[in-house]
Amino acid sequence: MASITIRNLDDDLKRRLRVRAAEHGRSMEAEVREILRQAVGHLSAPRNLGQLIHARFAATGGVDLPTATRRPMRIAPNYK
């Protein structure tokens, strides 16, 4: 297993970490491992921007838009 050292940790942050660890009945080291496991431990399939937007607004429901009528393309001008 790997080890990590965290330097220049704010005193208030260390105090809150100690309190949080005590609330969960763990050592500070075990609490930090659990926090890291929750933050970066789950590997998920990467999603593209379209999937992220869809997931964000899926709960609001869909919208039915009218279909635009199409006309034949215009003939390109000949500049010769």
N, C-alpha and C. Protein backbone atom coordinates (compact mmCIF):
# COMPACT_ATOMS: atom_id res chain seq x y z
N MET A 1 0.84 -1.18 0.00
CA MET A 1 0.00 0.00 0.00
C MET A 1 0.88 1.24 0.00
N ALA A 2 0.37 2.29 -0.58
CA ALA A 2 1.11 3.54 -0.68
C ALA A 2 0.85 4.42 0.54
N SER A 3 1.74 5.36 0.76
CA SER A 3 1.59 6.33 1.85
C SER A 3 1.56 7.72 1.27
N ILE A 4 0.96 8.65 2.01
CA ILE A 4 0.90 10.04 1.56
C ILE A 4 1.11 10.93 2.79
N THR A 5 1.81 12.03 2.58
CA THR A 5 2.04 13.01 3.63
C THR A 5 1.42 14.32 3.19
N ILE A 6 0.66 14.94 4.07
CA ILE A 6 0.03 16.22 3.75
C ILE A 6 0.67 17.28 4.62
N ARG A 7 1.35 18.21 4.00
CA ARG A 7 2.03 19.28 4.71
C ARG A 7 1.15 20.53 4.75
N ASN A 8 1.45 21.41 5.69
CA ASN A 8 0.80 22.72 5.83
C ASN A 8 -0.72 22.60 5.94
N LEU A 9 -1.18 21.63 6.71
CA LEU A 9 -2.60 21.46 6.94
C LEU A 9 -3.07 22.50 7.95
N ASP A 10 -4.11 23.20 7.61
CA ASP A 10 -4.66 24.24 8.47
C ASP A 10 -5.08 23.63 9.81
N ASP A 11 -4.79 24.33 10.92
CA ASP A 11 -5.11 23.82 12.26
C ASP A 11 -6.60 23.58 12.44
N ASP A 12 -7.43 24.49 11.92
CA ASP A 12 -8.88 24.34 12.04
C ASP A 12 -9.36 23.12 11.26
N LEU A 13 -8.79 22.91 10.07
CA LEU A 13 -9.17 21.75 9.27
C LEU A 13 -8.79 20.47 9.98
N LYS A 14 -7.61 20.44 10.61
CA LYS A 14 -7.18 19.26 11.34
C LYS A 14 -8.11 19.01 12.53
N ARG A 15 -8.52 20.05 13.22
CA ARG A 15 -9.43 19.91 14.35
C ARG A 15 -10.76 19.33 13.89
N ARG A 16 -11.30 19.87 12.77
CA ARG A 16 -12.59 19.37 12.27
C ARG A 16 -12.47 17.92 11.81
N LEU A 17 -11.33 17.56 11.25
CA LEU A 17 -11.09 16.18 10.83
C LEU A 17 -11.04 15.26 12.05
N ARG A 18 -10.40 15.71 13.11
CA ARG A 18 -10.32 14.92 14.33
C ARG A 18 -11.72 14.70 14.93
N VAL A 19 -12.54 15.76 14.92
CA VAL A 19 -13.91 15.65 15.44
C VAL A 19 -14.73 14.71 14.58
N ARG A 20 -14.60 14.85 13.27
CA ARG A 20 -15.36 13.99 12.36
C ARG A 20 -14.96 12.52 12.53
N ALA A 21 -13.66 12.28 12.70
CA ALA A 21 -13.19 10.91 12.91
C ALA A 21 -13.76 10.34 14.20
N ALA A 22 -13.79 11.15 15.25
CA ALA A 22 -14.34 10.69 16.53
C ALA A 22 -15.82 10.39 16.41
N GLU A 23 -16.55 11.20 15.65
CA GLU A 23 -17.98 10.97 15.46
C GLU A 23 -18.25 9.63 14.78
N HIS A 24 -17.33 9.23 13.89
CA HIS A 24 -17.49 7.97 13.15
C HIS A 24 -16.76 6.81 13.83
N GLY A 25 -16.10 7.08 14.98
CA GLY A 25 -15.41 6.02 15.69
C GLY A 25 -14.18 5.51 14.97
N ARG A 26 -13.48 6.40 14.27
CA ARG A 26 -12.29 6.02 13.51
C ARG A 26 -11.12 6.90 13.92
N SER A 27 -9.93 6.45 13.55
CA SER A 27 -8.76 7.31 13.73
C SER A 27 -8.79 8.37 12.64
N MET A 28 -7.99 9.42 12.81
CA MET A 28 -7.93 10.46 11.77
C MET A 28 -7.45 9.87 10.46
N GLU A 29 -6.49 8.98 10.53
CA GLU A 29 -5.96 8.35 9.31
C GLU A 29 -7.04 7.54 8.60
N ALA A 30 -7.80 6.78 9.35
CA ALA A 30 -8.88 5.98 8.76
C ALA A 30 -9.96 6.89 8.19
N GLU A 31 -10.22 8.00 8.86
CA GLU A 31 -11.23 8.94 8.36
C GLU A 31 -10.80 9.55 7.04
N VAL A 32 -9.52 9.92 6.94
CA VAL A 32 -9.00 10.48 5.68
C VAL A 32 -9.09 9.44 4.57
N ARG A 33 -8.75 8.18 4.88
CA ARG A 33 -8.86 7.12 3.86
C ARG A 33 -10.31 7.00 3.37
N GLU A 34 -11.27 7.06 4.29
CA GLU A 34 -12.68 6.95 3.90
C GLU A 34 -13.12 8.14 3.06
N ILE A 35 -12.69 9.34 3.43
CA ILE A 35 -13.03 10.54 2.66
C ILE A 35 -12.46 10.42 1.24
N LEU A 36 -11.22 9.99 1.12
CA LEU A 36 -10.61 9.83 -0.21
C LEU A 36 -11.30 8.72 -0.99
N ARG A 37 -11.66 7.63 -0.33
CA ARG A 37 -12.35 6.53 -1.01
C ARG A 37 -13.68 7.01 -1.58
N GLN A 38 -14.42 7.81 -0.80
CA GLN A 38 -15.70 8.32 -1.28
C GLN A 38 -15.52 9.34 -2.41
N ALA A 39 -14.46 10.14 -2.33
CA ALA A 39 -14.27 11.21 -3.32
C ALA A 39 -13.77 10.68 -4.66
N VAL A 40 -12.83 9.75 -4.63
CA VAL A 40 -12.21 9.32 -5.89
C VAL A 40 -12.20 7.81 -6.07
N GLY A 41 -12.84 7.10 -5.20
CA GLY A 41 -12.78 5.65 -5.25
C GLY A 41 -13.66 5.01 -6.30
N HIS A 42 -14.72 5.68 -6.71
CA HIS A 42 -15.65 5.08 -7.67
C HIS A 42 -15.24 5.44 -9.09
N LEU A 43 -14.97 4.41 -9.88
CA LEU A 43 -14.67 4.63 -11.29
C LEU A 43 -15.97 4.58 -12.06
N SER A 44 -16.23 5.61 -12.80
CA SER A 44 -17.45 5.63 -13.60
C SER A 44 -17.06 5.88 -15.06
N ALA A 45 -17.92 5.43 -15.93
CA ALA A 45 -17.66 5.63 -17.35
C ALA A 45 -17.73 7.12 -17.67
N PRO A 46 -16.78 7.62 -18.43
CA PRO A 46 -16.83 9.04 -18.78
C PRO A 46 -18.06 9.33 -19.64
N ARG A 47 -18.65 10.49 -19.40
CA ARG A 47 -19.82 10.88 -20.17
C ARG A 47 -19.47 12.13 -20.97
N ASN A 48 -20.11 12.25 -22.10
CA ASN A 48 -19.85 13.43 -22.92
C ASN A 48 -20.78 14.57 -22.52
N LEU A 49 -20.59 15.71 -23.10
CA LEU A 49 -21.36 16.89 -22.74
C LEU A 49 -22.85 16.69 -22.96
N GLY A 50 -23.23 16.05 -24.04
CA GLY A 50 -24.65 15.81 -24.32
C GLY A 50 -25.29 14.96 -23.23
N GLN A 51 -24.59 13.92 -22.78
CA GLN A 51 -25.12 13.07 -21.72
C GLN A 51 -25.25 13.84 -20.41
N LEU A 52 -24.29 14.71 -20.10
CA LEU A 52 -24.35 15.51 -18.88
C LEU A 52 -25.53 16.48 -18.91
N ILE A 53 -25.75 17.13 -20.04
CA ILE A 53 -26.87 18.06 -20.18
C ILE A 53 -28.19 17.31 -20.06
N HIS A 54 -28.29 16.15 -20.71
CA HIS A 54 -29.51 15.35 -20.64
C HIS A 54 -29.80 14.93 -19.19
N ALA A 55 -28.77 14.47 -18.48
CA ALA A 55 -28.96 14.05 -17.09
C ALA A 55 -29.40 15.21 -16.21
N ARG A 56 -28.88 16.39 -16.49
CA ARG A 56 -29.20 17.58 -15.68
C ARG A 56 -30.66 17.98 -15.83
N PHE A 57 -31.20 17.89 -17.04
CA PHE A 57 -32.55 18.38 -17.30
C PHE A 57 -33.58 17.28 -17.52
N ALA A 58 -33.23 16.03 -17.33
CA ALA A 58 -34.14 14.91 -17.58
C ALA A 58 -35.37 14.96 -16.67
N ALA A 59 -35.20 15.44 -15.46
CA ALA A 59 -36.31 15.46 -14.51
C ALA A 59 -37.40 16.46 -14.89
N THR A 60 -37.07 17.46 -15.68
CA THR A 60 -38.05 18.48 -16.06
C THR A 60 -38.98 18.00 -17.17
N GLY A 61 -38.66 16.91 -17.81
CA GLY A 61 -39.52 16.37 -18.87
C GLY A 61 -39.10 16.90 -20.23
N GLY A 62 -39.71 16.37 -21.24
CA GLY A 62 -39.38 16.75 -22.61
C GLY A 62 -40.25 17.86 -23.13
N VAL A 63 -39.90 18.35 -24.29
CA VAL A 63 -40.65 19.41 -24.95
C VAL A 63 -40.88 18.97 -26.39
N ASP A 64 -42.11 19.07 -26.85
CA ASP A 64 -42.42 18.74 -28.24
C ASP A 64 -42.36 20.02 -29.06
N LEU A 65 -41.41 20.08 -29.95
CA LEU A 65 -41.27 21.24 -30.82
C LEU A 65 -41.90 20.95 -32.17
N PRO A 66 -42.48 21.97 -32.81
CA PRO A 66 -43.05 21.73 -34.14
C PRO A 66 -41.95 21.44 -35.15
N THR A 67 -42.29 20.59 -36.10
CA THR A 67 -41.33 20.25 -37.14
C THR A 67 -41.30 21.37 -38.17
N ALA A 68 -40.10 21.81 -38.49
CA ALA A 68 -39.95 22.89 -39.48
C ALA A 68 -40.23 22.35 -40.88
N THR A 69 -40.91 23.15 -41.68
CA THR A 69 -41.14 22.74 -43.07
C THR A 69 -39.88 23.00 -43.88
N ARG A 70 -39.58 22.09 -44.74
CA ARG A 70 -38.36 22.23 -45.55
C ARG A 70 -38.73 22.52 -46.99
N ARG A 71 -37.89 23.35 -47.59
CA ARG A 71 -38.06 23.68 -49.01
C ARG A 71 -36.84 23.17 -49.75
N PRO A 72 -36.95 23.01 -51.05
CA PRO A 72 -35.78 22.58 -51.81
C PRO A 72 -34.66 23.62 -51.69
N MET A 73 -33.43 23.14 -51.78
CA MET A 73 -32.29 24.05 -51.70
C MET A 73 -32.27 24.97 -52.90
N ARG A 74 -31.79 26.18 -52.68
CA ARG A 74 -31.66 27.12 -53.79
C ARG A 74 -30.47 26.72 -54.65
N ILE A 75 -30.56 27.09 -55.89
CA ILE A 75 -29.44 26.84 -56.80
C ILE A 75 -28.36 27.87 -56.52
N ALA A 76 -27.13 27.40 -56.39
CA ALA A 76 -26.01 28.29 -56.10
C ALA A 76 -25.78 29.20 -57.29
N PRO A 77 -25.47 30.50 -57.07
CA PRO A 77 -25.23 31.41 -58.17
C PRO A 77 -23.95 31.04 -58.92
N ASN A 78 -23.95 31.30 -60.22
CA ASN A 78 -22.78 31.04 -61.05
C ASN A 78 -22.11 32.37 -61.34
N TYR A 79 -20.92 32.60 -60.84
CA TYR A 79 -20.24 33.87 -60.99
C TYR A 79 -19.23 33.87 -62.13
N LYS A 80 -19.36 32.99 -63.08
CA LYS A 80 -18.41 32.95 -64.20
C LYS A 80 -18.81 33.88 -65.29
